[in-house]
Amino acid sequence: MATETQTVLLGLTLRELTDFVEESGQPSYRGQQLFEALYRQRVGSAEQISTLPLEFRQSFAKRGLSLGVPTIEKKFVSCDGTVRYLIGFADGQSVETVWMPDGDDGEAGDGSEAGSEIEKAAGRTWDRATICVSSQVGCAVDCQFCLTALLGVKRNLTAGEIVGQVCAVLNDQAVSPPQERVNIVFMGMGEPFLNYENFIRAVGLLAEGVGIPESRMTVSTAGIVPRIYDLGAETVRPKLAISLNAPNDELRSRLMPINRKWNLEKLVAAARDFPLRNREKLTFEYVLLDGVNDSAESARELGELIRGIRAKVNLIALNPGPGIAFQTPVQDRVAQFQRILIAAGIPTFVRRPRGRDIYAACGQLKRTLELGVS
């Protein structure tokens, strides 16, 4: 086991937990019991793991071991049902995680709109829910229209901290996949591909442990080209979304400085090479900025740029915030942009903002972390 995980159990794989219990003098099957308690049952303390012997559970604290379960420090509820959580970790750092009942899922999941019998029996009004997960404390990519970019980056999250966000939200919402349909989008604070190893380990734990299929996960990248190729080679992986936001290098480099390292030629080539599974589409995300990248000419240029790729486009009208120098385009301009892309044969959707009133919408995750207010 790696040094950083020696005292924290959340984030360890079944194999690592089995090694741990054997090293502790326990039979190997205790590893499976511990794995299920951490991820499927999502226990909050060692005392709750009733399948393990009492003496073994009590030894955790004496040996300086921790489950590593994060805490919900603050919680804000939107008028549309979205919930923004401030999730705290042992070192005092925190991130924001968002729960969206019937939330926009970046095409995660199987596309079904039918609610499950469990949801109906529970009297729930949502058919599916989406959890937007953070991968870093802050972000280093510096997209000019994103509030999170104003934080800079403080550190990467461990795999356990990434999974822990999901566990904390599921527990708070009293939801248990796979019986209930939950999607995961790695679109919160941070660039997942700049924390690739921990992100991909978290994907495996969410699939095998928590019970969320990889087909219900989507990861968004600002364009870390080498990692796009790495993701395509993974045996267990989410769907891929690429944050594009401009149809040419001059504009994209101004809006997204990372384009100077991996330009559109390299990025679109990686997108074309990405090995899509049966019925899978790539997603291009495009944040519309009034008078900047939302013209009819930009729409036509974008259509030519991605022509021939098995993909869809998600249009996102800018979610405003303090310190952002751009404005939200009017609805007619958004609709015109969508019509042009559809006419070019590209499936295009306008993502409705969720939780904008509590700064939980796309590009807004920063306010609680920095200001401590809603």
Protein backbone atom coordinates (compact mmCIF):
# COMPACT_ATOMS: atom_id res chain seq x y z
CA MET A 1 0.00 0.00 0.00
CA ALA A 2 1.19 3.50 -0.76
CA THR A 3 2.43 5.63 2.10
CA GLU A 4 -0.34 8.22 1.71
CA THR A 5 -3.01 5.52 2.19
CA GLN A 6 -1.47 3.63 5.12
CA THR A 7 -3.68 5.34 7.71
CA VAL A 8 -6.77 5.96 5.57
CA LEU A 9 -8.92 3.05 4.37
CA LEU A 10 -11.36 4.87 2.06
CA GLY A 11 -9.70 4.80 -1.34
CA LEU A 12 -8.17 1.33 -1.01
CA THR A 13 -9.11 -1.40 -3.46
CA LEU A 14 -10.45 -4.84 -2.51
CA ARG A 15 -6.99 -6.33 -3.00
CA GLU A 16 -5.38 -3.69 -0.77
CA LEU A 17 -8.02 -4.13 1.93
CA THR A 18 -7.54 -7.89 1.80
CA ASP A 19 -3.80 -7.40 2.28
CA PHE A 20 -4.56 -5.06 5.17
CA VAL A 21 -6.76 -7.52 7.05
CA GLU A 22 -4.33 -10.37 6.49
CA GLU A 23 -1.46 -8.23 7.79
CA SER A 24 -3.68 -7.54 10.81
CA GLY A 25 -4.02 -11.25 11.53
CA GLN A 26 -7.57 -11.56 10.16
CA PRO A 27 -8.84 -14.07 7.58
CA SER A 28 -8.83 -12.83 4.00
CA TYR A 29 -12.64 -12.76 3.69
CA ARG A 30 -12.65 -9.84 6.13
CA GLY A 31 -11.27 -7.76 3.25
CA GLN A 32 -14.51 -8.23 1.29
CA GLN A 33 -16.55 -7.35 4.39
CA LEU A 34 -14.53 -4.18 4.90
CA PHE A 35 -14.79 -3.29 1.20
CA GLU A 36 -18.58 -3.63 1.25
CA ALA A 37 -18.86 -1.63 4.47
CA LEU A 38 -16.79 1.25 3.10
CA TYR A 39 -18.31 1.54 -0.36
CA ARG A 40 -21.69 -0.21 -0.61
CA GLN A 41 -22.90 0.43 2.96
CA ARG A 42 -20.97 3.73 3.23
CA VAL A 43 -20.40 3.50 6.99
CA GLY A 44 -19.29 6.58 8.90
CA SER A 45 -17.15 4.88 11.55
CA ALA A 46 -15.44 1.59 12.33
CA GLU A 47 -17.98 0.96 15.09
CA GLN A 48 -20.69 0.61 12.43
CA ILE A 49 -18.99 -2.30 10.66
CA SER A 50 -20.90 -5.01 12.51
CA THR A 51 -19.52 -7.79 10.29
CA LEU A 52 -16.02 -7.28 11.72
CA PRO A 53 -14.99 -8.53 15.18
CA LEU A 54 -15.29 -5.87 17.88
CA GLU A 55 -11.66 -6.19 18.93
CA PHE A 56 -10.49 -5.66 15.35
CA ARG A 57 -12.68 -2.56 14.95
CA GLN A 58 -11.44 -1.12 18.22
CA SER A 59 -7.84 -1.60 17.08
CA PHE A 60 -8.26 0.93 14.27
CA ALA A 61 -8.06 3.98 16.50
CA LYS A 62 -5.21 2.52 18.56
CA ARG A 63 -3.19 1.97 15.38
CA GLY A 64 -3.91 5.47 14.01
CA LEU A 65 -6.17 4.15 11.27
CA SER A 66 -9.06 6.18 9.87
CA LEU A 67 -11.85 5.33 7.48
CA GLY A 68 -11.25 8.74 5.88
CA VAL A 69 -14.92 9.66 5.53
CA PRO A 70 -15.27 13.39 4.70
CA THR A 71 -17.72 15.67 6.47
CA ILE A 72 -20.49 17.90 5.13
CA GLU A 73 -19.57 21.33 6.50
CA LYS A 74 -22.26 23.39 4.79
CA LYS A 75 -25.26 22.72 2.63
CA PHE A 76 -27.29 25.07 0.43
CA VAL A 77 -30.57 24.15 -1.28
CA SER A 78 -31.74 25.77 -4.52
CA CYS A 79 -35.30 26.57 -5.48
CA ASP A 80 -34.98 23.91 -8.21
CA GLY A 81 -33.97 21.15 -5.77
CA THR A 82 -30.24 21.30 -6.47
CA VAL A 83 -28.06 21.03 -3.36
CA ARG A 84 -24.55 22.49 -3.07
CA TYR A 85 -22.37 20.84 -0.45
CA LEU A 86 -19.16 22.06 1.11
CA ILE A 87 -17.23 18.86 1.81
CA GLY A 88 -14.39 19.03 4.34
CA PHE A 89 -11.33 16.81 4.65
CA ALA A 90 -8.99 15.91 7.51
CA ASP A 91 -6.34 18.50 6.59
CA GLY A 92 -8.82 21.40 6.71
CA GLN A 93 -9.17 21.72 2.93
CA SER A 94 -12.59 21.51 1.32
CA VAL A 95 -14.32 21.27 -2.05
CA GLU A 96 -17.82 21.73 -3.38
CA THR A 97 -20.00 18.88 -4.61
CA VAL A 98 -23.44 19.24 -6.20
CA TRP A 99 -26.54 17.03 -6.07
CA MET A 100 -29.00 17.51 -8.94
CA PRO A 101 -32.26 15.57 -8.88
CA ASP A 102 -33.21 15.03 -12.52
CA GLY A 103 -29.98 16.92 -13.19
CA ASP A 104 -28.24 17.43 -16.50
CA ASP A 105 -25.92 14.47 -16.65
CA GLY A 106 -23.70 15.18 -19.66
CA GLU A 107 -25.32 12.14 -21.33
CA ALA A 108 -24.26 9.83 -18.52
CA GLY A 109 -26.54 6.86 -18.06
CA ASP A 110 -28.58 4.81 -20.49
CA GLY A 111 -30.94 7.56 -21.69
CA SER A 112 -34.02 6.09 -20.04
CA GLU A 113 -36.47 8.59 -18.59
CA ALA A 114 -38.59 6.09 -16.68
CA GLY A 115 -38.56 6.27 -12.89
CA SER A 116 -37.86 3.08 -10.99
CA GLU A 117 -40.44 1.30 -8.85
CA ILE A 118 -38.27 2.06 -5.82
CA GLU A 119 -38.44 5.79 -6.55
CA LYS A 120 -42.22 5.63 -6.97
CA ALA A 121 -42.64 3.64 -3.77
CA ALA A 122 -40.55 6.19 -1.89
CA GLY A 123 -42.70 9.02 -3.22
CA ARG A 124 -39.78 10.69 -4.98
CA THR A 125 -40.43 13.14 -7.77
CA TRP A 126 -37.16 12.53 -9.64
CA ASP A 127 -36.40 9.79 -12.15
CA ARG A 128 -32.63 10.09 -11.90
CA ALA A 129 -30.11 12.19 -10.07
CA THR A 130 -26.63 13.43 -10.84
CA ILE A 131 -23.73 14.13 -8.50
CA CYS A 132 -21.15 16.62 -9.76
CA VAL A 133 -17.82 15.69 -8.18
CA SER A 134 -14.62 17.69 -7.65
CA SER A 135 -11.16 16.28 -8.34
CA GLN A 136 -8.91 19.08 -7.02
CA VAL A 137 -9.03 21.81 -4.39
CA GLY A 138 -9.26 24.73 -6.80
CA CYS A 139 -8.13 24.49 -10.42
CA ALA A 140 -4.95 25.26 -12.34
CA VAL A 141 -6.43 25.49 -15.85
CA ASP A 142 -7.45 29.18 -15.56
CA CYS A 143 -10.42 29.32 -17.91
CA GLN A 144 -11.34 33.00 -17.99
CA PHE A 145 -15.10 32.50 -17.59
CA CYS A 146 -14.97 30.14 -14.58
CA LEU A 147 -15.20 31.19 -10.92
CA THR A 148 -13.21 28.16 -9.75
CA ALA A 149 -10.21 29.35 -11.77
CA LEU A 150 -9.93 32.39 -9.49
CA LEU A 151 -8.91 30.06 -6.64
CA GLY A 152 -5.86 28.62 -8.36
CA VAL A 153 -5.03 25.06 -7.37
CA LYS A 154 -4.16 24.04 -3.80
CA ARG A 155 -3.79 20.28 -4.13
CA ASN A 156 -5.10 17.12 -5.77
CA LEU A 157 -7.72 15.03 -4.06
CA THR A 158 -6.97 11.42 -3.20
CA ALA A 159 -9.10 8.66 -4.69
CA GLY A 160 -10.71 8.26 -1.27
CA GLU A 161 -11.60 11.95 -1.13
CA ILE A 162 -13.18 11.77 -4.59
CA VAL A 163 -15.23 8.69 -3.70
CA GLY A 164 -15.94 10.15 -0.26
CA GLN A 165 -17.83 13.08 -1.81
CA VAL A 166 -20.19 10.66 -3.50
CA CYS A 167 -20.65 8.59 -0.33
CA ALA A 168 -21.37 11.69 1.76
CA VAL A 169 -24.00 12.98 -0.67
CA LEU A 170 -25.66 9.58 -1.11
CA ASN A 171 -25.92 9.21 2.65
CA ASP A 172 -27.35 12.70 3.07
CA GLN A 173 -29.91 12.06 0.35
CA ALA A 174 -30.67 8.52 1.61
CA VAL A 175 -30.08 7.08 -1.87
CA SER A 176 -28.50 3.71 -2.66
CA PRO A 177 -27.25 2.79 -6.13
CA PRO A 178 -27.44 0.61 -8.12
CA GLN A 179 -31.10 0.15 -7.13
CA GLU A 180 -31.66 3.88 -7.62
CA ARG A 181 -30.38 5.60 -10.74
CA VAL A 182 -27.52 7.95 -9.96
CA ASN A 183 -25.12 9.48 -12.49
CA ILE A 184 -21.68 10.85 -11.70
CA VAL A 185 -20.08 13.74 -13.59
CA PHE A 186 -16.48 14.67 -12.89
CA MET A 187 -17.20 18.31 -13.69
CA GLY A 188 -16.78 19.99 -10.32
CA MET A 189 -13.74 21.86 -9.06
CA GLY A 190 -10.46 21.01 -10.76
CA GLU A 191 -9.26 19.35 -13.95
CA PRO A 192 -9.63 15.56 -13.51
CA PHE A 193 -6.90 14.80 -16.04
CA LEU A 194 -4.34 16.75 -13.98
CA ASN A 195 -5.11 14.26 -11.18
CA TYR A 196 -5.45 11.29 -13.49
CA GLU A 197 -4.26 8.39 -11.36
CA ASN A 198 -6.50 9.26 -8.41
CA PHE A 199 -9.44 10.05 -10.69
CA ILE A 200 -9.25 6.72 -12.54
CA ARG A 201 -8.82 4.79 -9.28
CA ALA A 202 -11.94 6.54 -7.96
CA VAL A 203 -13.84 5.48 -11.09
CA GLY A 204 -13.00 1.85 -10.39
CA LEU A 205 -14.05 2.11 -6.75
CA LEU A 206 -17.32 3.83 -7.65
CA ALA A 207 -18.12 1.10 -10.17
CA GLU A 208 -17.02 -1.96 -8.19
CA GLY A 209 -17.68 -0.71 -4.68
CA VAL A 210 -20.45 1.89 -4.62
CA GLY A 211 -22.30 0.25 -7.49
CA ILE A 212 -22.48 3.04 -10.07
CA PRO A 213 -21.89 1.63 -13.58
CA GLU A 214 -19.22 3.26 -15.73
CA SER A 215 -21.95 3.95 -18.31
CA ARG A 216 -23.44 6.40 -15.80
CA MET A 217 -20.24 8.38 -15.37
CA THR A 218 -18.89 11.23 -17.49
CA VAL A 219 -15.59 13.08 -17.15
CA SER A 220 -14.99 16.57 -18.53
CA THR A 221 -11.57 17.83 -19.56
CA ALA A 222 -10.39 21.23 -20.71
CA GLY A 223 -8.16 19.44 -23.21
CA ILE A 224 -5.27 17.52 -21.61
CA VAL A 225 -4.56 15.68 -24.86
CA PRO A 226 -2.20 12.91 -23.63
CA ARG A 227 -4.72 11.88 -20.99
CA ILE A 228 -7.51 11.63 -23.58
CA TYR A 229 -5.47 8.88 -25.21
CA ASP A 230 -4.82 7.29 -21.80
CA LEU A 231 -8.54 7.30 -21.00
CA GLY A 232 -9.34 5.59 -24.28
CA ALA A 233 -7.05 2.70 -23.28
CA GLU A 234 -8.69 2.10 -19.88
CA THR A 235 -10.77 -1.06 -19.42
CA VAL A 236 -13.15 0.74 -17.03
CA ARG A 237 -13.78 4.38 -17.93
CA PRO A 238 -16.44 7.08 -17.93
CA LYS A 239 -17.77 8.75 -21.04
CA LEU A 240 -15.72 11.69 -22.28
CA ALA A 241 -16.76 15.33 -22.50
CA ILE A 242 -14.40 17.98 -23.88
CA SER A 243 -14.81 21.61 -22.85
CA LEU A 244 -14.31 23.39 -26.19
CA ASN A 245 -15.79 26.91 -25.88
CA ALA A 246 -14.29 28.35 -29.08
CA PRO A 247 -14.09 27.32 -32.74
CA ASN A 248 -10.56 28.59 -33.44
CA ASP A 249 -7.17 28.79 -31.74
CA GLU A 250 -7.02 32.57 -31.42
CA LEU A 251 -10.23 32.79 -29.43
CA ARG A 252 -9.74 29.57 -27.49
CA SER A 253 -6.26 30.57 -26.35
CA ARG A 254 -7.71 33.83 -25.03
CA LEU A 255 -10.50 32.07 -23.15
CA MET A 256 -8.59 28.92 -22.19
CA PRO A 257 -4.81 29.40 -21.86
CA ILE A 258 -4.30 25.63 -21.90
CA ASN A 259 -4.95 25.81 -25.66
CA ARG A 260 -1.45 27.23 -26.09
CA LYS A 261 -0.04 23.85 -25.01
CA TRP A 262 -2.55 21.59 -26.77
CA ASN A 263 -4.17 23.48 -29.63
CA LEU A 264 -7.38 22.63 -31.44
CA GLU A 265 -5.62 20.59 -34.11
CA LYS A 266 -4.18 18.27 -31.45
CA LEU A 267 -7.36 18.26 -29.39
CA VAL A 268 -9.73 17.49 -32.26
CA ALA A 269 -7.34 14.80 -33.52
CA ALA A 270 -7.49 13.14 -30.09
CA ALA A 271 -11.28 13.39 -30.17
CA ARG A 272 -11.42 11.75 -33.59
CA ASP A 273 -9.13 8.96 -32.38
CA PHE A 274 -11.06 8.30 -29.17
CA PRO A 275 -12.42 4.72 -29.17
CA LEU A 276 -16.16 5.10 -28.65
CA ARG A 277 -18.17 2.12 -27.47
CA ASN A 278 -21.41 0.91 -29.05
CA ARG A 279 -24.05 3.68 -29.03
CA GLU A 280 -21.65 6.04 -27.24
CA LYS A 281 -21.13 9.65 -28.28
CA LEU A 282 -18.41 12.11 -27.39
CA THR A 283 -19.68 15.33 -25.82
CA PHE A 284 -18.37 18.79 -26.67
CA GLU A 285 -19.27 21.41 -24.07
CA TYR A 286 -19.50 24.99 -25.24
CA VAL A 287 -20.05 27.89 -22.82
CA LEU A 288 -21.68 30.78 -24.69
CA LEU A 289 -20.34 34.23 -23.85
CA ASP A 290 -22.31 37.23 -25.05
CA GLY A 291 -20.65 38.89 -28.05
CA VAL A 292 -17.52 36.74 -27.73
CA ASN A 293 -18.09 33.20 -29.03
CA ASP A 294 -21.84 33.09 -29.66
CA SER A 295 -22.15 34.49 -33.19
CA ALA A 296 -23.63 32.69 -36.18
CA GLU A 297 -20.15 32.69 -37.72
CA SER A 298 -18.73 30.95 -34.63
CA ALA A 299 -21.49 28.33 -34.82
CA ARG A 300 -20.73 27.59 -38.47
CA GLU A 301 -16.99 27.44 -37.75
CA LEU A 302 -17.62 25.04 -34.85
CA GLY A 303 -19.73 22.82 -37.06
CA GLU A 304 -16.90 22.53 -39.58
CA LEU A 305 -14.34 21.88 -36.83
CA ILE A 306 -16.11 18.83 -35.39
CA ARG A 307 -17.83 17.55 -38.54
CA GLY A 308 -17.64 13.77 -38.85
CA ILE A 309 -17.06 13.06 -35.16
CA ARG A 310 -19.69 10.89 -33.49
CA ALA A 311 -20.54 13.55 -30.96
CA LYS A 312 -23.12 15.90 -29.55
CA VAL A 313 -22.76 19.48 -28.36
CA ASN A 314 -23.99 20.78 -25.01
CA LEU A 315 -24.48 24.54 -25.07
CA ILE A 316 -24.21 26.30 -21.72
CA ALA A 317 -25.20 29.95 -21.46
CA LEU A 318 -22.67 31.54 -19.12
CA ASN A 319 -23.50 31.26 -15.44
CA PRO A 320 -22.44 34.67 -14.10
CA GLY A 321 -20.48 35.44 -10.98
CA PRO A 322 -18.38 38.14 -9.29
CA GLY A 323 -15.00 38.65 -10.92
CA ILE A 324 -16.10 37.25 -14.29
CA ALA A 325 -15.75 39.77 -17.12
CA PHE A 326 -18.24 38.15 -19.49
CA GLN A 327 -22.02 38.35 -19.85
CA THR A 328 -24.76 35.77 -20.46
CA PRO A 329 -26.17 35.86 -24.02
CA VAL A 330 -29.89 36.36 -24.58
CA GLN A 331 -32.01 33.30 -25.25
CA ASP A 332 -32.55 34.10 -28.94
CA ARG A 333 -28.80 34.09 -29.56
CA VAL A 334 -28.44 30.74 -27.84
CA ALA A 335 -31.29 29.32 -29.91
CA GLN A 336 -29.74 30.62 -33.15
CA PHE A 337 -26.40 28.96 -32.29
CA GLN A 338 -28.21 25.69 -31.63
CA ARG A 339 -30.20 25.84 -34.89
CA ILE A 340 -27.06 26.33 -36.99
CA LEU A 341 -25.34 23.29 -35.45
CA ILE A 342 -28.43 21.12 -35.83
CA ALA A 343 -28.70 22.18 -39.47
CA ALA A 344 -25.10 21.01 -39.88
CA GLY A 345 -26.15 17.55 -38.69
CA ILE A 346 -24.74 17.86 -35.15
CA PRO A 347 -27.03 16.89 -32.24
CA THR A 348 -27.05 20.00 -30.04
CA PHE A 349 -28.69 20.59 -26.68
CA VAL A 350 -29.01 23.60 -24.39
CA ARG A 351 -28.24 22.63 -20.82
CA ARG A 352 -30.58 24.28 -18.39
CA PRO A 353 -28.80 25.90 -15.44
CA ARG A 354 -29.20 24.05 -12.15
CA GLY A 355 -28.68 25.76 -8.80
CA ARG A 356 -27.67 29.10 -10.26
CA ASP A 357 -29.31 30.91 -7.33
CA ILE A 358 -26.96 29.16 -4.86
CA TYR A 359 -23.83 29.31 -7.07
CA ALA A 360 -24.02 25.60 -7.83
CA ALA A 361 -24.23 25.87 -11.63
CA CYS A 362 -21.49 25.02 -14.12
CA GLY A 363 -18.46 27.27 -13.59
CA GLN A 364 -19.71 28.71 -10.29
CA LEU A 365 -18.12 26.35 -7.74
CA LYS A 366 -16.04 28.69 -5.62
CA ARG A 367 -18.25 30.99 -3.61
CA THR A 368 -18.67 28.92 -0.45
CA LEU A 369 -15.05 27.87 -0.45
CA GLU A 370 -13.72 31.40 -0.73
CA LEU A 371 -16.32 33.52 1.01
CA GLY A 372 -18.10 31.11 3.33
CA VAL A 373 -21.50 32.46 2.33
CA SER A 374 -24.33 31.33 0.09
